[in-house]
């Protein structure tokens, strides 16, 4: 099943405006650093589990849940909905209670994303003109809402002598398929912008169809029951 998400000119305009925002309100988390992050509850001093992998919604390019491992968890396949996270810090993730954990089929939005089995790591990255930039080896997400704001690209062998990796901001992504990311600019433009721009906390979701202002809150209310829309 092909995943294809073009971005409207108006959305791109809002994204450009949002990059003027200060980034002091949040921080980036790399995909590697998320794995094995401990999860604590307000009711226990010990970790109740550890992140084993992320569930990513390709329609928003956002982490919406985490799979957990842990001896204290009584569910066969425990899932942590990111809407249940109270805090993320260098110590780990804090939630109210172990009862916040759900099963893969408990929340429709999470269940649909699991069925898509989307993983940004390993996908090809090309420009709109068809220039091959490499493959994704990691990504960076915002600590406040787990939105993926950057993808890290491993360069092809011939190009790796000058740049072994390329960091591509989310605003450069114009399409996603099952096999690749398509970005709007050539690599020399991306590299120049990457040296000038940092990630921003109030990032307008370029995959949304609504034309919300750049400063508007764009997150949907978390789903608490497996009810179809």
Protein backbone atom coordinates (compact mmCIF):
# COMPACT_ATOMS: atom_id res chain seq x y z
CA UNK A 1 0.00 0.00 0.00
CA UNK A 2 1.52 3.28 -1.11
CA UNK A 3 1.74 6.16 1.32
CA UNK A 4 1.72 9.47 -0.54
CA UNK A 5 1.47 12.85 1.18
CA UNK A 6 1.90 15.99 -0.93
CA UNK A 7 2.13 19.31 0.93
CA UNK A 8 0.10 22.34 -0.09
CA UNK A 9 1.81 25.70 -0.88
CA UNK A 10 -0.06 27.31 2.03
CA UNK A 11 1.27 24.69 4.45
CA UNK A 12 4.80 25.29 3.18
CA UNK A 13 4.33 29.03 3.78
CA UNK A 14 3.28 28.37 7.36
CA UNK A 15 6.25 26.06 7.88
CA UNK A 16 8.65 28.72 6.65
CA UNK A 17 7.17 31.24 9.10
CA UNK A 18 7.39 28.79 11.98
CA UNK A 19 11.17 28.48 11.58
CA UNK A 20 11.55 31.99 12.95
CA UNK A 21 10.43 30.71 16.36
CA UNK A 22 12.90 30.32 19.21
CA UNK A 23 13.80 26.74 20.08
CA UNK A 24 14.55 27.21 23.79
CA UNK A 25 11.30 25.58 24.91
CA UNK A 26 12.14 22.02 23.98
CA UNK A 27 14.94 19.71 22.89
CA UNK A 28 15.68 17.12 20.26
CA UNK A 29 15.81 13.41 21.07
CA UNK A 30 17.56 11.04 18.69
CA UNK A 31 15.94 7.73 17.79
CA UNK A 32 18.88 5.86 19.32
CA UNK A 33 18.53 7.66 22.65
CA UNK A 34 14.84 6.78 22.89
CA UNK A 35 15.52 3.04 22.98
CA UNK A 36 15.86 1.67 26.54
CA UNK A 37 14.62 4.93 28.06
CA UNK A 38 13.13 4.04 31.48
CA UNK A 39 9.48 4.75 32.21
CA UNK A 40 8.47 5.68 35.75
CA UNK A 41 5.04 6.04 37.32
CA UNK A 42 4.10 8.59 39.98
CA UNK A 43 3.27 5.65 42.24
CA UNK A 44 6.62 3.86 42.08
CA UNK A 45 10.25 4.84 42.62
CA UNK A 46 11.45 2.10 40.29
CA UNK A 47 11.10 1.99 36.52
CA UNK A 48 8.04 0.05 35.40
CA UNK A 49 9.47 -0.59 31.95
CA UNK A 50 11.80 0.50 29.17
CA UNK A 51 11.10 1.71 25.62
CA UNK A 52 11.81 -1.02 23.09
CA UNK A 53 10.53 0.67 19.90
CA UNK A 54 8.34 3.49 18.60
CA UNK A 55 5.00 3.48 16.79
CA UNK A 56 5.10 6.20 14.13
CA UNK A 57 2.12 7.59 12.24
CA UNK A 58 3.31 8.25 8.65
CA UNK A 59 0.41 10.62 7.97
CA UNK A 60 1.81 13.07 10.54
CA UNK A 61 5.40 11.83 10.83
CA UNK A 62 4.95 11.69 14.58
CA UNK A 63 5.65 9.14 17.29
CA UNK A 64 2.24 8.36 18.78
CA UNK A 65 3.15 5.47 21.07
CA UNK A 66 5.96 3.30 22.40
CA UNK A 67 6.30 -0.43 22.91
CA UNK A 68 7.60 -1.22 26.39
CA UNK A 69 9.49 -4.08 27.99
CA UNK A 70 9.51 -4.68 31.73
CA UNK A 71 8.98 -7.32 34.39
CA UNK A 72 6.46 -5.20 36.29
CA UNK A 73 4.11 -4.87 33.31
CA UNK A 74 1.16 -7.26 33.32
CA UNK A 75 0.16 -6.83 29.66
CA UNK A 76 1.39 -9.19 26.96
CA UNK A 77 2.25 -6.35 24.56
CA UNK A 78 2.27 -3.10 26.55
CA UNK A 79 1.88 0.17 24.65
CA UNK A 80 2.42 3.66 26.03
CA UNK A 81 0.33 6.33 24.30
CA UNK A 82 2.44 9.51 24.21
CA UNK A 83 -0.61 11.49 25.35
CA UNK A 84 -0.18 9.77 28.74
CA UNK A 85 3.36 11.11 29.23
CA UNK A 86 3.62 13.74 31.94
CA UNK A 87 7.29 14.53 31.48
CA UNK A 88 10.36 13.57 29.48
CA UNK A 89 13.78 14.34 30.98
CA UNK A 90 17.33 13.00 31.12
CA UNK A 91 16.15 10.62 33.85
CA UNK A 92 13.40 9.10 31.75
CA UNK A 93 9.66 9.28 31.07
CA UNK A 94 7.10 9.87 33.81
CA UNK A 95 3.45 8.78 33.65
CA UNK A 96 0.70 8.82 36.27
CA UNK A 97 0.27 5.09 36.69
CA UNK A 98 1.03 1.72 35.15
CA UNK A 99 -2.69 1.63 34.37
CA UNK A 100 -2.00 4.18 31.61
CA UNK A 101 -0.51 1.40 29.49
CA UNK A 102 -2.76 -0.06 26.79
CA UNK A 103 -2.81 -3.02 24.42
CA UNK A 104 -2.20 -2.61 20.65
CA UNK A 105 -5.92 -2.79 19.84
CA UNK A 106 -7.18 -0.52 22.63
CA UNK A 107 -6.81 2.77 20.71
CA UNK A 108 -7.92 2.90 17.07
CA UNK A 109 -5.37 5.50 16.02
CA UNK A 110 -2.51 3.47 17.45
CA UNK A 111 -3.88 0.21 16.04
CA UNK A 112 -4.03 1.69 12.52
CA UNK A 113 -0.45 2.97 12.75
CA UNK A 114 0.76 -0.43 13.97
CA UNK A 115 -0.91 -2.10 10.99
CA UNK A 116 0.90 0.26 8.60
CA UNK A 117 4.21 -0.86 10.16
CA UNK A 118 5.94 2.35 9.11
CA UNK A 119 9.62 2.78 9.95
CA UNK A 120 11.47 5.86 8.64
CA UNK A 121 14.87 4.27 9.21
CA UNK A 122 16.25 2.59 6.11
CA UNK A 123 14.13 4.51 3.59
CA UNK A 124 15.73 6.05 0.52
CA UNK A 125 15.89 9.84 0.34
CA UNK A 126 15.59 11.59 -3.02
CA UNK A 127 15.00 15.12 -4.26
CA UNK A 128 12.02 16.03 -6.43
CA UNK A 129 14.35 15.93 -9.43
CA UNK A 130 15.33 12.35 -8.63
CA UNK A 131 18.78 12.96 -7.14
CA UNK A 132 19.66 10.19 -4.65
CA UNK A 133 20.78 11.64 -1.30
CA UNK A 134 21.17 8.39 0.67
CA UNK A 135 19.18 6.40 3.23
CA UNK A 136 17.83 7.39 6.63
CA UNK A 137 19.79 5.99 9.55
CA UNK A 138 18.09 7.92 12.35
CA UNK A 139 15.75 10.79 13.17
CA UNK A 140 15.37 13.50 15.81
CA UNK A 141 12.08 14.15 17.57
CA UNK A 142 10.81 16.97 19.76
CA UNK A 143 10.77 16.21 23.48
CA UNK A 144 7.46 17.95 24.07
CA UNK A 145 5.21 16.20 21.53
CA UNK A 146 7.49 13.58 19.88
CA UNK A 147 7.08 15.12 16.45
CA UNK A 148 9.88 14.04 14.10
CA UNK A 149 11.65 17.26 13.12
CA UNK A 150 14.75 15.97 11.36
CA UNK A 151 15.84 12.87 9.48
CA UNK A 152 19.51 11.80 9.44
CA UNK A 153 20.68 10.48 6.09
CA UNK A 154 23.68 8.23 5.44
CA UNK A 155 25.37 9.42 2.27
CA UNK A 156 26.17 7.15 -0.71
CA UNK A 157 29.76 5.91 -0.85
CA UNK A 158 30.88 8.34 -3.55
CA UNK A 159 29.47 11.36 -1.70
CA UNK A 160 30.46 10.20 1.79
CA UNK A 161 34.05 11.40 1.36
CA UNK A 162 32.92 15.00 1.80
CA UNK A 163 29.81 14.49 3.98
CA UNK A 164 29.18 11.15 5.65
CA UNK A 165 25.74 12.24 6.92
CA UNK A 166 23.11 14.79 5.97
CA UNK A 167 20.56 16.26 8.38
CA UNK A 168 17.32 17.15 6.61
CA UNK A 169 14.70 19.33 8.38
CA UNK A 170 11.12 18.13 8.28
CA UNK A 171 10.04 21.16 6.25
CA UNK A 172 12.07 19.87 3.29
CA UNK A 173 9.96 16.68 3.07
CA UNK A 174 7.22 16.92 0.45
CA UNK A 175 6.24 13.25 -0.02
CA UNK A 176 6.57 9.90 1.71
CA UNK A 177 6.07 6.50 0.15
CA UNK A 178 6.58 2.97 1.47
CA UNK A 179 10.15 3.10 0.19
CA UNK A 180 11.43 6.66 0.27
CA UNK A 181 11.30 10.27 1.39
CA UNK A 182 11.12 12.91 -1.32
CA UNK A 183 12.54 16.32 -0.42
CA UNK A 184 12.01 19.57 -2.27
CA UNK A 185 15.55 20.94 -2.67
CA UNK A 186 18.90 19.78 -3.97
CA UNK A 187 21.52 18.67 -1.47
CA UNK A 188 23.65 21.84 -1.65
CA UNK A 189 20.63 23.96 -0.65
CA UNK A 190 19.72 21.57 2.17
CA UNK A 191 23.26 21.65 3.56
CA UNK A 192 23.33 25.45 3.55
CA UNK A 193 20.00 25.66 5.35
CA UNK A 194 20.98 23.00 7.88
CA UNK A 195 23.89 25.18 9.04
CA UNK A 196 21.57 28.12 9.66
CA UNK A 197 18.42 26.52 11.07
CA UNK A 198 17.63 24.64 14.23
CA UNK A 199 14.46 22.73 15.03
CA UNK A 200 11.47 24.62 16.38
CA UNK A 201 8.98 23.61 19.10
CA UNK A 202 5.84 25.09 17.48
CA UNK A 203 6.24 23.24 14.21
CA UNK A 204 3.21 23.38 11.94
CA UNK A 205 2.36 19.88 10.77
CA UNK A 206 2.94 19.97 6.99
CA UNK A 207 0.87 16.84 6.51
CA UNK A 208 -2.32 18.39 7.91
CA UNK A 209 -4.92 19.50 5.38
CA UNK A 210 -6.12 22.44 7.47
CA UNK A 211 -4.47 25.82 7.03
CA UNK A 212 -3.93 26.65 10.68
CA UNK A 213 -1.74 29.64 11.67
CA UNK A 214 1.91 28.82 12.39
CA UNK A 215 1.47 29.44 16.10
CA UNK A 216 -1.73 27.43 16.47
CA UNK A 217 -1.96 24.23 18.43
CA UNK A 218 -2.36 21.44 15.88
CA UNK A 219 -2.58 18.31 17.98
CA UNK A 220 -5.75 16.27 18.13
CA UNK A 221 -7.35 15.24 21.38
CA UNK A 222 -5.98 11.84 22.50
CA UNK A 223 -8.23 8.87 21.91
CA UNK A 224 -9.05 6.94 25.04
CA UNK A 225 -11.40 4.29 23.65
CA UNK A 226 -11.30 2.08 20.56
CA UNK A 227 -14.16 3.89 18.84
CA UNK A 228 -14.23 4.44 15.10
CA UNK A 229 -14.46 8.02 13.86
